[in-house]
Each structure stands twice: as C-alpha cells, then as structure tokens.
PDB file of N, CA and C in Angstrom:
ATOM      1  N   MET A   1      52.325 -15.012  34.484  1.00  0.00           N
ATOM      2  CA  MET A   1      51.159 -15.732  34.088  1.00  0.00           C
ATOM      3  C   MET A   1      49.990 -14.893  34.460  1.00  0.00           C
ATOM      4  N   LYS A   2      49.983 -14.321  35.726  1.00  0.00           N
ATOM      5  CA  LYS A   2      48.888 -13.582  36.223  1.00  0.00           C
ATOM      6  C   LYS A   2      48.704 -12.316  35.426  1.00  0.00           C
ATOM      7  N   ARG A   3      49.801 -11.699  34.987  1.00  0.00           N
ATOM      8  CA  ARG A   3      49.726 -10.473  34.126  1.00  0.00           C
ATOM      9  C   ARG A   3      49.122 -10.815  32.777  1.00  0.00           C
ATOM     10  N   THR A   4      49.497 -11.992  32.179  1.00  0.00           N
ATOM     11  CA  THR A   4      48.833 -12.340  30.892  1.00  0.00           C
ATOM     12  C   THR A   4      47.443 -12.537  31.074  1.00  0.00           C
ATOM     13  N   SER A   5      46.931 -13.107  32.138  1.00  0.00           N
ATOM     14  CA  SER A   5      45.491 -13.336  32.390  1.00  0.00           C
ATOM     15  C   SER A   5      44.802 -11.960  32.516  1.00  0.00           C
ATOM     16  N   THR A   6      45.405 -11.036  33.223  1.00  0.00           N
ATOM     17  CA  THR A   6      44.836  -9.737  33.313  1.00  0.00           C
ATOM     18  C   THR A   6      44.759  -9.054  31.980  1.00  0.00           C
ATOM     19  N   ILE A   7      45.741  -9.050  31.177  1.00  0.00           N
ATOM     20  CA  ILE A   7      45.710  -8.449  29.854  1.00  0.00           C
ATOM     21  C   ILE A   7      44.670  -9.054  28.958  1.00  0.00           C
ATOM     22  N   VAL A   8      44.519 -10.360  28.967  1.00  0.00           N
ATOM     23  CA  VAL A   8      43.501 -11.115  28.201  1.00  0.00           C
ATOM     24  C   VAL A   8      42.150 -10.675  28.680  1.00  0.00           C
ATOM     25  N   ALA A   9      41.903 -10.647  29.980  1.00  0.00           N
ATOM     26  CA  ALA A   9      40.637 -10.124  30.500  1.00  0.00           C
ATOM     27  C   ALA A   9      40.261  -8.760  30.115  1.00  0.00           C
ATOM     28  N   VAL A  10      41.251  -7.846  30.146  1.00  0.00           N
ATOM     29  CA  VAL A  10      41.022  -6.489  29.678  1.00  0.00           C
ATOM     30  C   VAL A  10      40.668  -6.378  28.204  1.00  0.00           C
ATOM     31  N   LEU A  11      41.405  -7.151  27.390  1.00  0.00           N
ATOM     32  CA  LEU A  11      41.151  -7.169  25.961  1.00  0.00           C
ATOM     33  C   LEU A  11      39.732  -7.750  25.643  1.00  0.00           C
ATOM     34  N   LEU A  12      39.385  -8.805  26.320  1.00  0.00           N
ATOM     35  CA  LEU A  12      38.083  -9.339  26.086  1.00  0.00           C
ATOM     36  C   LEU A  12      36.952  -8.318  26.549  1.00  0.00           C
ATOM     37  N   GLY A  13      37.197  -7.640  27.637  1.00  0.00           N
ATOM     38  CA  GLY A  13      36.188  -6.616  28.072  1.00  0.00           C
ATOM     39  C   GLY A  13      36.094  -5.530  27.073  1.00  0.00           C
ATOM     40  N   MET A  14      37.264  -5.059  26.504  1.00  0.00           N
ATOM     41  CA  MET A  14      37.157  -4.048  25.547  1.00  0.00           C
ATOM     42  C   MET A  14      36.462  -4.504  24.263  1.00  0.00           C
ATOM     43  N   MET A  15      36.664  -5.770  23.850  1.00  0.00           N
ATOM     44  CA  MET A  15      35.966  -6.302  22.658  1.00  0.00           C
ATOM     45  C   MET A  15      34.449  -6.384  22.910  1.00  0.00           C
ATOM     46  N   LEU A  16      34.055  -6.720  24.103  1.00  0.00           N
ATOM     47  CA  LEU A  16      32.630  -6.708  24.392  1.00  0.00           C
ATOM     48  C   LEU A  16      32.060  -5.364  24.350  1.00  0.00           C
ATOM     49  N   VAL A  17      32.678  -4.383  24.920  1.00  0.00           N
ATOM     50  CA  VAL A  17      32.180  -3.004  24.885  1.00  0.00           C
ATOM     51  C   VAL A  17      32.107  -2.539  23.391  1.00  0.00           C
ATOM     52  N   LEU A  18      33.071  -2.806  22.574  1.00  0.00           N
ATOM     53  CA  LEU A  18      33.079  -2.340  21.205  1.00  0.00           C
ATOM     54  C   LEU A  18      31.961  -3.067  20.415  1.00  0.00           C
ATOM     55  N   SER A  19      31.746  -4.393  20.730  1.00  0.00           N
ATOM     56  CA  SER A  19      30.651  -5.070  19.970  1.00  0.00           C
ATOM     57  C   SER A  19      29.245  -4.508  20.393  1.00  0.00           C
ATOM     58  N   LEU A  20      29.140  -4.102  21.613  1.00  0.00           N
ATOM     59  CA  LEU A  20      27.841  -3.529  22.017  1.00  0.00           C
ATOM     60  C   LEU A  20      27.637  -2.081  21.331  1.00  0.00           C
ATOM     61  N   VAL A  21      28.658  -1.363  21.211  1.00  0.00           N
ATOM     62  CA  VAL A  21      28.578  -0.095  20.510  1.00  0.00           C
ATOM     63  C   VAL A  21      28.215  -0.366  19.040  1.00  0.00           C
ATOM     64  N   ALA A  22      28.805  -1.338  18.417  1.00  0.00           N
ATOM     65  CA  ALA A  22      28.563  -1.636  17.072  1.00  0.00           C
ATOM     66  C   ALA A  22      27.131  -2.097  16.872  1.00  0.00           C
ATOM     67  N   VAL A  23      26.524  -2.855  17.784  1.00  0.00           N
ATOM     68  CA  VAL A  23      25.085  -3.237  17.704  1.00  0.00           C
ATOM     69  C   VAL A  23      24.224  -1.964  17.735  1.00  0.00           C
ATOM     70  N   ALA A  24      24.557  -0.999  18.660  1.00  0.00           N
ATOM     71  CA  ALA A  24      23.753   0.158  18.729  1.00  0.00           C
ATOM     72  C   ALA A  24      23.829   0.991  17.409  1.00  0.00           C
ATOM     73  N   GLU A  25      25.019   0.984  16.803  1.00  0.00           N
ATOM     74  CA  GLU A  25      25.127   1.778  15.584  1.00  0.00           C
ATOM     75  C   GLU A  25      24.397   1.092  14.418  1.00  0.00           C
ATOM     76  N   ASP A  26      24.231  -0.271  14.515  1.00  0.00           N
ATOM     77  CA  ASP A  26      23.562  -0.923  13.463  1.00  0.00           C
ATOM     78  C   ASP A  26      22.037  -0.807  13.534  1.00  0.00           C
ATOM     79  N   ALA A  27      21.539  -0.305  14.627  1.00  0.00           N
ATOM     80  CA  ALA A  27      20.062  -0.159  14.756  1.00  0.00           C
ATOM     81  C   ALA A  27      19.538   0.819  13.727  1.00  0.00           C
ATOM     82  N   ALA A  28      18.390   0.473  13.153  1.00  0.00           N
ATOM     83  CA  ALA A  28      17.738   1.310  12.116  1.00  0.00           C
ATOM     84  C   ALA A  28      17.530   2.697  12.805  1.00  0.00           C
ATOM     85  N   LYS A  29      17.534   3.760  12.020  1.00  0.00           N
ATOM     86  CA  LYS A  29      17.186   5.099  12.523  1.00  0.00           C
ATOM     87  C   LYS A  29      15.696   5.326  12.491  1.00  0.00           C
ATOM     88  N   VAL A  30      15.062   5.264  13.640  1.00  0.00           N
ATOM     89  CA  VAL A  30      13.589   5.431  13.651  1.00  0.00           C
ATOM     90  C   VAL A  30      13.139   6.651  14.304  1.00  0.00           C
ATOM     91  N   GLY A  31      14.135   7.500  14.792  1.00  0.00           N
ATOM     92  CA  GLY A  31      13.706   8.782  15.477  1.00  0.00           C
ATOM     93  C   GLY A  31      12.973   9.715  14.553  1.00  0.00           C
ATOM     94  N   GLY A  32      11.901  10.376  15.048  1.00  0.00           N
ATOM     95  CA  GLY A  32      11.224  11.296  14.219  1.00  0.00           C
ATOM     96  C   GLY A  32       9.712  11.078  14.403  1.00  0.00           C
ATOM     97  N   THR A  33       8.883  11.560  13.410  1.00  0.00           N
ATOM     98  CA  THR A  33       7.473  11.457  13.442  1.00  0.00           C
ATOM     99  C   THR A  33       7.016  10.508  12.317  1.00  0.00           C
ATOM    100  N   TRP A  34       6.122   9.645  12.655  1.00  0.00           N
ATOM    101  CA  TRP A  34       5.626   8.658  11.693  1.00  0.00           C
ATOM    102  C   TRP A  34       4.147   8.722  11.587  1.00  0.00           C
ATOM    103  N   GLU A  35       3.559   8.426  10.491  1.00  0.00           N
ATOM    104  CA  GLU A  35       2.080   8.394  10.306  1.00  0.00           C
ATOM    105  C   GLU A  35       1.788   6.854  10.259  1.00  0.00           C
ATOM    106  N   MET A  36       1.122   6.437  11.274  1.00  0.00           N
ATOM    107  CA  MET A  36       0.795   5.002  11.419  1.00  0.00           C
ATOM    108  C   MET A  36      -0.685   4.733  11.030  1.00  0.00           C
ATOM    109  N   THR A  37      -0.860   3.594  10.306  1.00  0.00           N
ATOM    110  CA  THR A  37      -2.179   3.164   9.874  1.00  0.00           C
ATOM    111  C   THR A  37      -2.384   1.701  10.318  1.00  0.00           C
ATOM    112  N   SER A  38      -3.585   1.485  10.899  1.00  0.00           N
ATOM    113  CA  SER A  38      -3.944   0.113  11.247  1.00  0.00           C
ATOM    114  C   SER A  38      -5.409  -0.057  11.001  1.00  0.00           C
ATOM    115  N   GLN A  39      -5.850  -1.308  10.825  1.00  0.00           N
ATOM    116  CA  GLN A  39      -7.265  -1.614  10.525  1.00  0.00           C
ATOM    117  C   GLN A  39      -8.024  -1.680  11.886  1.00  0.00           C
ATOM    118  N   GLY A  40      -8.986  -0.872  11.978  1.00  0.00           N
ATOM    119  CA  GLY A  40      -9.847  -0.876  13.191  1.00  0.00           C
ATOM    120  C   GLY A  40     -11.245  -1.568  12.821  1.00  0.00           C
ATOM    121  N   ARG A  41     -12.145  -1.588  13.782  1.00  0.00           N
ATOM    122  CA  ARG A  41     -13.406  -2.216  13.504  1.00  0.00           C
ATOM    123  C   ARG A  41     -14.261  -1.427  12.545  1.00  0.00           C
ATOM    124  N   GLN A  42     -14.134  -0.178  12.479  1.00  0.00           N
ATOM    125  CA  GLN A  42     -14.870   0.717  11.623  1.00  0.00           C
ATOM    126  C   GLN A  42     -14.012   1.135  10.383  1.00  0.00           C
ATOM    127  N   GLY A  43     -12.891   0.429  10.138  1.00  0.00           N
ATOM    128  CA  GLY A  43     -12.063   0.769   8.957  1.00  0.00           C
ATOM    129  C   GLY A  43     -10.695   1.186   9.451  1.00  0.00           C
ATOM    130  N   PRO A  44      -9.954   1.904   8.477  1.00  0.00           N
ATOM    131  CA  PRO A  44      -8.591   2.273   8.773  1.00  0.00           C
ATOM    132  C   PRO A  44      -8.511   3.336   9.856  1.00  0.00           C
ATOM    133  N   MET A  45      -7.603   3.205  10.807  1.00  0.00           N
ATOM    134  CA  MET A  45      -7.315   4.177  11.795  1.00  0.00           C
ATOM    135  C   MET A  45      -5.930   4.759  11.622  1.00  0.00           C
ATOM    136  N   THR A  46      -5.797   6.045  11.672  1.00  0.00           N
ATOM    137  CA  THR A  46      -4.497   6.766  11.531  1.00  0.00           C
ATOM    138  C   THR A  46      -4.052   7.337  12.897  1.00  0.00           C
ATOM    139  N   SER A  47      -2.809   7.151  13.210  1.00  0.00           N
ATOM    140  CA  SER A  47      -2.194   7.612  14.446  1.00  0.00           C
ATOM    141  C   SER A  47      -0.925   8.289  14.121  1.00  0.00           C
ATOM    142  N   THR A  48      -0.388   9.119  15.088  1.00  0.00           N
ATOM    143  CA  THR A  48       0.938   9.730  14.929  1.00  0.00           C
ATOM    144  C   THR A  48       1.899   9.108  15.938  1.00  0.00           C
ATOM    145  N   LEU A  49       2.894   8.602  15.487  1.00  0.00           N
ATOM    146  CA  LEU A  49       3.938   7.955  16.304  1.00  0.00           C
ATOM    147  C   LEU A  49       5.160   8.863  16.343  1.00  0.00           C
ATOM    148  N   THR A  50       5.538   9.258  17.549  1.00  0.00           N
ATOM    149  CA  THR A  50       6.695  10.170  17.694  1.00  0.00           C
ATOM    150  C   THR A  50       7.689   9.451  18.519  1.00  0.00           C
ATOM    151  N   ILE A  51       8.917   9.383  17.927  1.00  0.00           N
ATOM    152  CA  ILE A  51      10.019   8.544  18.548  1.00  0.00           C
ATOM    153  C   ILE A  51      11.199   9.406  18.800  1.00  0.00           C
ATOM    154  N   ASP A  52      11.766   9.263  19.977  1.00  0.00           N
ATOM    155  CA  ASP A  52      13.034   9.918  20.346  1.00  0.00           C
ATOM    156  C   ASP A  52      14.017   8.733  20.647  1.00  0.00           C
ATOM    157  N   GLN A  53      14.883   8.459  19.690  1.00  0.00           N
ATOM    158  CA  GLN A  53      15.792   7.301  19.741  1.00  0.00           C
ATOM    159  C   GLN A  53      17.095   7.597  20.402  1.00  0.00           C
ATOM    160  N   ASP A  54      17.654   6.768  21.218  1.00  0.00           N
ATOM    161  CA  ASP A  54      18.944   6.752  21.811  1.00  0.00           C
ATOM    162  C   ASP A  54      19.606   5.424  21.642  1.00  0.00           C
ATOM    163  N   GLY A  55      20.412   5.241  20.570  1.00  0.00           N
ATOM    164  CA  GLY A  55      20.987   3.943  20.198  1.00  0.00           C
ATOM    165  C   GLY A  55      19.959   2.997  19.768  1.00  0.00           C
ATOM    166  N   ASN A  56      19.838   1.933  20.475  1.00  0.00           N
ATOM    167  CA  ASN A  56      18.866   0.799  20.188  1.00  0.00           C
ATOM    168  C   ASN A  56      17.656   0.860  20.989  1.00  0.00           C
ATOM    169  N   LYS A  57      17.484   1.893  21.825  1.00  0.00           N
ATOM    170  CA  LYS A  57      16.288   2.108  22.700  1.00  0.00           C
ATOM    171  C   LYS A  57      15.624   3.415  22.254  1.00  0.00           C
ATOM    172  N   PHE A  58      14.309   3.434  22.575  1.00  0.00           N
ATOM    173  CA  PHE A  58      13.618   4.688  22.215  1.00  0.00           C
ATOM    174  C   PHE A  58      12.407   4.884  23.225  1.00  0.00           C
ATOM    175  N   LYS A  59      11.963   6.126  23.264  1.00  0.00           N
ATOM    176  CA  LYS A  59      10.728   6.492  24.011  1.00  0.00           C
ATOM    177  C   LYS A  59       9.971   7.363  23.061  1.00  0.00           C
ATOM    178  N   GLY A  60       8.724   7.639  23.349  1.00  0.00           N
ATOM    179  CA  GLY A  60       7.883   8.509  22.525  1.00  0.00           C
ATOM    180  C   GLY A  60       6.472   8.447  22.907  1.00  0.00           C
ATOM    181  N   THR A  61       5.653   8.768  21.874  1.00  0.00           N
ATOM    182  CA  THR A  61       4.184   8.825  22.131  1.00  0.00           C
ATOM    183  C   THR A  61       3.459   8.252  20.910  1.00  0.00           C
ATOM    184  N   LEU A  62       2.312   7.705  21.151  1.00  0.00           N
ATOM    185  CA  LEU A  62       1.395   7.300  20.072  1.00  0.00           C
ATOM    186  C   LEU A  62       0.093   8.085  20.336  1.00  0.00           C
ATOM    187  N   LYS A  63      -0.249   8.844  19.319  1.00  0.00           N
ATOM    188  CA  LYS A  63      -1.399   9.793  19.425  1.00  0.00           C
ATOM    189  C   LYS A  63      -2.381   9.453  18.407  1.00  0.00           C
ATOM    190  N   GLY A  64      -3.667   9.200  18.787  1.00  0.00           N
ATOM    191  CA  GLY A  64      -4.654   8.841  17.833  1.00  0.00           C
ATOM    192  C   GLY A  64      -6.057   9.149  18.367  1.00  0.00           C
ATOM    193  N   ALA A  65      -7.068   8.467  17.824  1.00  0.00           N
ATOM    194  CA  ALA A  65      -8.464   8.776  18.228  1.00  0.00           C
ATOM    195  C   ALA A  65      -8.673   8.426  19.625  1.00  0.00           C
ATOM    196  N   ARG A  66      -7.893   7.542  20.246  1.00  0.00           N
ATOM    197  CA  ARG A  66      -8.101   7.108  21.671  1.00  0.00           C
ATOM    198  C   ARG A  66      -7.231   7.866  22.627  1.00  0.00           C
ATOM    199  N   GLY A  67      -6.658   8.958  22.176  1.00  0.00           N
ATOM    200  CA  GLY A  67      -5.811   9.809  23.028  1.00  0.00           C
ATOM    201  C   GLY A  67      -4.285   9.610  22.688  1.00  0.00           C
ATOM    202  N   GLU A  68      -3.481  10.105  23.634  1.00  0.00           N
ATOM    203  CA  GLU A  68      -2.072  10.021  23.495  1.00  0.00           C
ATOM    204  C   GLU A  68      -1.469   9.204  24.600  1.00  0.00           C
ATOM    205  N   ASN A  69      -0.639   8.259  24.295  1.00  0.00           N
ATOM    206  CA  ASN A  69      -0.034   7.360  25.252  1.00  0.00           C
ATOM    207  C   ASN A  69       1.485   7.254  25.070  1.00  0.00           C
ATOM    208  N   PRO A  70       2.275   7.136  26.182  1.00  0.00           N
ATOM    209  CA  PRO A  70       3.710   6.977  26.073  1.00  0.00           C
ATOM    210  C   PRO A  70       4.048   5.539  25.530  1.00  0.00           C
ATOM    211  N   ILE A  71       5.153   5.443  24.895  1.00  0.00           N
ATOM    212  CA  ILE A  71       5.636   4.228  24.364  1.00  0.00           C
ATOM    213  C   ILE A  71       7.105   4.058  24.792  1.00  0.00           C
ATOM    214  N   GLU A  72       7.610   2.871  24.839  1.00  0.00           N
ATOM    215  CA  GLU A  72       9.016   2.571  25.124  1.00  0.00           C
ATOM    216  C   GLU A  72       9.319   1.294  24.247  1.00  0.00           C
ATOM    217  N   GLY A  73      10.439   1.301  23.580  1.00  0.00           N
ATOM    218  CA  GLY A  73      10.808   0.215  22.723  1.00  0.00           C
ATOM    219  C   GLY A  73      12.281   0.060  22.355  1.00  0.00           C
ATOM    220  N   THR A  74      12.569  -0.921  21.484  1.00  0.00           N
ATOM    221  CA  THR A  74      13.908  -1.181  21.053  1.00  0.00           C
ATOM    222  C   THR A  74      13.928  -1.377  19.579  1.00  0.00           C
ATOM    223  N   VAL A  75      15.105  -1.186  18.997  1.00  0.00           N
ATOM    224  CA  VAL A  75      15.381  -1.467  17.590  1.00  0.00           C
ATOM    225  C   VAL A  75      16.610  -2.424  17.580  1.00  0.00           C
ATOM    226  N   ASP A  76      16.498  -3.551  16.912  1.00  0.00           N
ATOM    227  CA  ASP A  76      17.519  -4.479  16.747  1.00  0.00           C
ATOM    228  C   ASP A  76      17.837  -4.743  15.239  1.00  0.00           C
ATOM    229  N   GLY A  77      18.766  -3.999  14.718  1.00  0.00           N
ATOM    230  CA  GLY A  77      18.965  -4.053  13.204  1.00  0.00           C
ATOM    231  C   GLY A  77      17.752  -3.350  12.659  1.00  0.00           C
ATOM    232  N   ASN A  78      16.964  -4.056  11.809  1.00  0.00           N
ATOM    233  CA  ASN A  78      15.822  -3.464  11.154  1.00  0.00           C
ATOM    234  C   ASN A  78      14.452  -3.903  11.935  1.00  0.00           C
ATOM    235  N   LYS A  79      14.622  -4.598  13.067  1.00  0.00           N
ATOM    236  CA  LYS A  79      13.452  -4.988  13.838  1.00  0.00           C
ATOM    237  C   LYS A  79      13.104  -4.000  14.861  1.00  0.00           C
ATOM    238  N   ILE A  80      11.836  -3.658  14.976  1.00  0.00           N
ATOM    239  CA  ILE A  80      11.387  -2.666  15.999  1.00  0.00           C
ATOM    240  C   ILE A  80      10.309  -3.379  16.784  1.00  0.00           C
ATOM    241  N   SER A  81      10.338  -2.989  18.135  1.00  0.00           N
ATOM    242  CA  SER A  81       9.282  -3.453  19.016  1.00  0.00           C
ATOM    243  C   SER A  81       9.070  -2.417  20.098  1.00  0.00           C
ATOM    244  N   PHE A  82       7.797  -2.216  20.420  1.00  0.00           N
ATOM    245  CA  PHE A  82       7.418  -1.266  21.491  1.00  0.00           C
ATOM    246  C   PHE A  82       6.095  -1.654  22.070  1.00  0.00           C
ATOM    247  N   THR A  83       5.774  -1.141  23.242  1.00  0.00           N
ATOM    248  CA  THR A  83       4.577  -1.485  23.996  1.00  0.00           C
ATOM    249  C   THR A  83       3.802  -0.185  24.290  1.00  0.00           C
ATOM    250  N   VAL A  84       2.528  -0.302  24.159  1.00  0.00           N
ATOM    251  CA  VAL A  84       1.631   0.843  24.483  1.00  0.00           C
ATOM    252  C   VAL A  84       0.624   0.286  25.595  1.00  0.00           C
ATOM    253  N   GLU A  85       0.520   0.963  26.730  1.00  0.00           N
ATOM    254  CA  GLU A  85      -0.494   0.615  27.728  1.00  0.00           C
ATOM    255  C   GLU A  85      -1.570   1.719  27.772  1.00  0.00           C
ATOM    256  N   ARG A  86      -2.825   1.230  27.724  1.00  0.00           N
ATOM    257  CA  ARG A  86      -3.939   2.221  27.779  1.00  0.00           C
ATOM    258  C   ARG A  86      -4.881   1.857  28.870  1.00  0.00           C
ATOM    259  N   GLU A  87      -5.446   2.811  29.535  1.00  0.00           N
ATOM    260  CA  GLU A  87      -6.539   2.531  30.495  1.00  0.00           C
ATOM    261  C   GLU A  87      -7.808   2.590  29.740  1.00  0.00           C
ATOM    262  N   THR A  88      -8.660   1.579  29.950  1.00  0.00           N
ATOM    263  CA  THR A  88      -9.971   1.503  29.300  1.00  0.00           C
ATOM    264  C   THR A  88     -11.016   1.225  30.321  1.00  0.00           C
ATOM    265  N   PRO A  89     -12.355   1.408  30.010  1.00  0.00           N
ATOM    266  CA  PRO A  89     -13.339   1.119  30.951  1.00  0.00           C
ATOM    267  C   PRO A  89     -13.321  -0.363  31.517  1.00  0.00           C
ATOM    268  N   ASN A  90     -12.706  -1.199  30.771  1.00  0.00           N
ATOM    269  CA  ASN A  90     -12.482  -2.574  31.193  1.00  0.00           C
ATOM    270  C   ASN A  90     -11.179  -2.924  31.845  1.00  0.00           C
ATOM    271  N   GLY A  91     -10.424  -1.852  32.169  1.00  0.00           N
ATOM    272  CA  GLY A  91      -9.083  -1.995  32.779  1.00  0.00           C
ATOM    273  C   GLY A  91      -7.953  -1.725  31.847  1.00  0.00           C
ATOM    274  N   LYS A  92      -6.757  -2.059  32.261  1.00  0.00           N
ATOM    275  CA  LYS A  92      -5.612  -1.715  31.478  1.00  0.00           C
ATOM    276  C   LYS A  92      -5.438  -2.607  30.290  1.00  0.00           C
ATOM    277  N   MET A  93      -5.162  -2.088  29.123  1.00  0.00           N
ATOM    278  CA  MET A  93      -4.947  -2.888  27.870  1.00  0.00           C
ATOM    279  C   MET A  93      -3.532  -2.673  27.486  1.00  0.00           C
ATOM    280  N   THR A  94      -2.843  -3.785  27.181  1.00  0.00           N
ATOM    281  CA  THR A  94      -1.425  -3.674  26.658  1.00  0.00           C
ATOM    282  C   THR A  94      -1.401  -4.102  25.150  1.00  0.00           C
ATOM    283  N   MET A  95      -0.742  -3.314  24.427  1.00  0.00           N
ATOM    284  CA  MET A  95      -0.542  -3.586  22.968  1.00  0.00           C
ATOM    285  C   MET A  95       0.949  -3.754  22.665  1.00  0.00           C
ATOM    286  N   ASN A  96       1.236  -4.892  22.131  1.00  0.00           N
ATOM    287  CA  ASN A  96       2.707  -5.164  21.823  1.00  0.00           C
ATOM    288  C   ASN A  96       2.837  -5.083  20.262  1.00  0.00           C
ATOM    289  N   TYR A  97       3.619  -4.046  19.854  1.00  0.00           N
ATOM    290  CA  TYR A  97       3.892  -3.820  18.497  1.00  0.00           C
ATOM    291  C   TYR A  97       5.229  -4.411  18.081  1.00  0.00           C
ATOM    292  N   THR A  98       5.308  -5.072  16.960  1.00  0.00           N
ATOM    293  CA  THR A  98       6.588  -5.527  16.354  1.00  0.00           C
ATOM    294  C   THR A  98       6.579  -5.237  14.875  1.00  0.00           C
ATOM    295  N   GLY A  99       7.730  -5.047  14.321  1.00  0.00           N
ATOM    296  CA  GLY A  99       7.691  -4.756  12.859  1.00  0.00           C
ATOM    297  C   GLY A  99       9.144  -4.676  12.323  1.00  0.00           C
ATOM    298  N   LYS A 100       9.156  -4.469  11.011  1.00  0.00           N
ATOM    299  CA  LYS A 100      10.435  -4.374  10.302  1.00  0.00           C
ATOM    300  C   LYS A 100      10.519  -2.989   9.636  1.00  0.00           C
ATOM    301  N   VAL A 101      11.701  -2.360   9.787  1.00  0.00           N
ATOM    302  CA  VAL A 101      11.922  -1.037   9.311  1.00  0.00           C
ATOM    303  C   VAL A 101      12.596  -1.200   7.873  1.00  0.00           C
ATOM    304  N   ASP A 102      12.061  -0.463   6.876  1.00  0.00           N
ATOM    305  CA  ASP A 102      12.585  -0.463   5.548  1.00  0.00           C
ATOM    306  C   ASP A 102      12.706   0.925   5.097  1.00  0.00           C
ATOM    307  N   GLY A 103      13.812   1.630   5.455  1.00  0.00           N
ATOM    308  CA  GLY A 103      14.008   2.957   5.138  1.00  0.00           C
ATOM    309  C   GLY A 103      13.011   3.868   5.867  1.00  0.00           C
ATOM    310  N   ASP A 104      12.111   4.570   5.110  1.00  0.00           N
ATOM    311  CA  ASP A 104      11.172   5.448   5.718  1.00  0.00           C
ATOM    312  C   ASP A 104       9.757   4.786   5.902  1.00  0.00           C
ATOM    313  N   SER A 105       9.725   3.459   5.939  1.00  0.00           N
ATOM    314  CA  SER A 105       8.449   2.772   6.192  1.00  0.00           C
ATOM    315  C   SER A 105       8.688   1.642   7.097  1.00  0.00           C
ATOM    316  N   ILE A 106       7.631   1.234   7.885  1.00  0.00           N
ATOM    317  CA  ILE A 106       7.664   0.138   8.857  1.00  0.00           C
ATOM    318  C   ILE A 106       6.329  -0.630   8.566  1.00  0.00           C
ATOM    319  N   LYS A 107       6.476  -1.951   8.617  1.00  0.00           N
ATOM    320  CA  LYS A 107       5.316  -2.801   8.500  1.00  0.00           C
ATOM    321  C   LYS A 107       5.391  -3.862   9.582  1.00  0.00           C
ATOM    322  N   GLY A 108       4.292  -4.114  10.313  1.00  0.00           N
ATOM    323  CA  GLY A 108       4.381  -5.039  11.365  1.00  0.00           C
ATOM    324  C   GLY A 108       2.930  -5.503  11.864  1.00  0.00           C
ATOM    325  N   THR A 109       2.991  -6.075  13.126  1.00  0.00           N
ATOM    326  CA  THR A 109       1.754  -6.550  13.677  1.00  0.00           C
ATOM    327  C   THR A 109       1.685  -5.975  15.094  1.00  0.00           C
ATOM    328  N   VAL A 110       0.451  -5.876  15.613  1.00  0.00           N
ATOM    329  CA  VAL A 110       0.198  -5.491  17.007  1.00  0.00           C
ATOM    330  C   VAL A 110      -0.605  -6.539  17.614  1.00  0.00           C
ATOM    331  N   LYS A 111      -0.274  -6.986  18.876  1.00  0.00           N
ATOM    332  CA  LYS A 111      -0.973  -8.008  19.589  1.00  0.00           C
ATOM    333  C   LYS A 111      -1.674  -7.318  20.732  1.00  0.00           C
ATOM    334  N   MET A 112      -2.990  -7.574  20.848  1.00  0.00           N
ATOM    335  CA  MET A 112      -3.766  -7.016  21.985  1.00  0.00           C
ATOM    336  C   MET A 112      -4.521  -8.287  22.540  1.00  0.00           C
ATOM    337  N   GLY A 113      -3.992  -8.885  23.550  1.00  0.00           N
ATOM    338  CA  GLY A 113      -4.575 -10.062  24.126  1.00  0.00           C
ATOM    339  C   GLY A 113      -4.586 -11.216  23.045  1.00  0.00           C
ATOM    340  N   GLU A 114      -5.739 -11.689  22.717  1.00  0.00           N
ATOM    341  CA  GLU A 114      -5.831 -12.769  21.709  1.00  0.00           C
ATOM    342  C   GLU A 114      -5.858 -12.215  20.273  1.00  0.00           C
ATOM    343  N   ASN A 115      -6.076 -10.915  20.142  1.00  0.00           N
ATOM    344  CA  ASN A 115      -6.248 -10.313  18.770  1.00  0.00           C
ATOM    345  C   ASN A 115      -4.894  -9.872  18.234  1.00  0.00           C
ATOM    346  N   GLU A 116      -4.811  -9.914  16.943  1.00  0.00           N
ATOM    347  CA  GLU A 116      -3.582  -9.453  16.205  1.00  0.00           C
ATOM    348  C   GLU A 116      -3.983  -8.784  15.009  1.00  0.00           C
ATOM    349  N   ARG A 117      -3.390  -7.545  14.763  1.00  0.00           N
ATOM    350  CA  ARG A 117      -3.643  -6.792  13.503  1.00  0.00           C
ATOM    351  C   ARG A 117      -2.375  -6.312  12.856  1.00  0.00           C
ATOM    352  N   GLU A 118      -2.444  -6.064  11.594  1.00  0.00           N
ATOM    353  CA  GLU A 118      -1.266  -5.481  10.846  1.00  0.00           C
ATOM    354  C   GLU A 118      -1.310  -3.978  11.051  1.00  0.00           C
ATOM    355  N   TRP A 119      -0.055  -3.345  10.968  1.00  0.00           N
ATOM    356  CA  TRP A 119       0.031  -1.896  11.005  1.00  0.00           C
ATOM    357  C   TRP A 119       1.195  -1.534  10.041  1.00  0.00           C
ATOM    358  N   THR A 120       1.053  -0.337   9.537  1.00  0.00           N
ATOM    359  CA  THR A 120       2.151   0.293   8.718  1.00  0.00           C
ATOM    360  C   THR A 120       2.385   1.673   9.199  1.00  0.00           C
ATOM    361  N   ALA A 121       3.579   2.192   8.897  1.00  0.00           N
ATOM    362  CA  ALA A 121       3.977   3.564   9.253  1.00  0.00           C
ATOM    363  C   ALA A 121       4.860   4.126   8.141  1.00  0.00           C
ATOM    364  N   LYS A 122       4.663   5.399   7.869  1.00  0.00           N
ATOM    365  CA  LYS A 122       5.479   6.141   6.910  1.00  0.00           C
ATOM    366  C   LYS A 122       6.103   7.332   7.718  1.00  0.00           C
ATOM    367  N   LYS A 123       7.450   7.518   7.528  1.00  0.00           N
ATOM    368  CA  LYS A 123       8.096   8.586   8.216  1.00  0.00           C
ATOM    369  C   LYS A 123       7.716   9.892   7.571  1.00  0.00           C
ATOM    370  N   GLN A 124       7.452  10.847   8.395  1.00  0.00           N
ATOM    371  CA  GLN A 124       7.161  12.221   7.934  1.00  0.00           C
ATOM    372  C   GLN A 124       8.362  12.980   7.632  1.00  0.00           C
ATOM    373  N   LYS A 125       8.433  13.669   6.595  1.00  0.00           N
ATOM    374  CA  LYS A 125       9.623  14.546   6.221  1.00  0.00           C
ATOM    375  C   LYS A 125       9.721  15.822   6.984  1.00  0.00           C
TER     376      LYS A 125
END
C-alpha cells in the first residue's frame, strides 16, 4: 500500500512538472524589439521596447523620450504584462502595462496611478 502511494505521488509530481512546461511553451513569443506607440499629452509618443524572453517570463528595456528603463514581465498565453518604474521630480512613478499579443502586434493599456492610456506595439523585423 505504501509503495502504491509513493508511485501515485511520483506520477502526480511528474504530471505537474509537465503541465508547467506546457504552460511555458504556450506563452506567446514576444522576444525581440518592438516599436511602441501611446498617446501622450502632446500627441503620439513612440518608444522602443526590447524583450529578452525566457519561457513565460521576460526582462528588457523601454527606451523613449523620458530615457531608458528596465522592465520585467510575464506572458500567459497571449496575455502580456510588465512594469516600468521611473524616477521623476515628484518621486517614483510605476506604470503597469497589460495587453494581448496577436502575432507581431500587441494592443493594451497602461495604468499610471489613476490614469489609464492605450498602447500598441509592432514587432520589428
């Protein structure tokens, strides 16, 4: 009886590991360089989003008119999310980006405190 319980526990553990690997494989491929556009106070702002993906997690940079900042995020299927923190004269500002990946494009929203704006990105070839 004890041996059967051990075998069942090992099999369940292996199934869990395999399901986690399958989730990572199902993550949209977002690694590379993206041209990102969002609406600013003076009109459209363009930035460069560079992503280094490892499974369903990634790191990279967001470079635009306000400088270059590191990012960290995740991909769950076609859903992407990442955070950018910037130092401003008024203190630290955190921007939370979420979106949906559709091939070589992403469309989403960014929340900065009480404000929310739309953003899009096109993958560079």
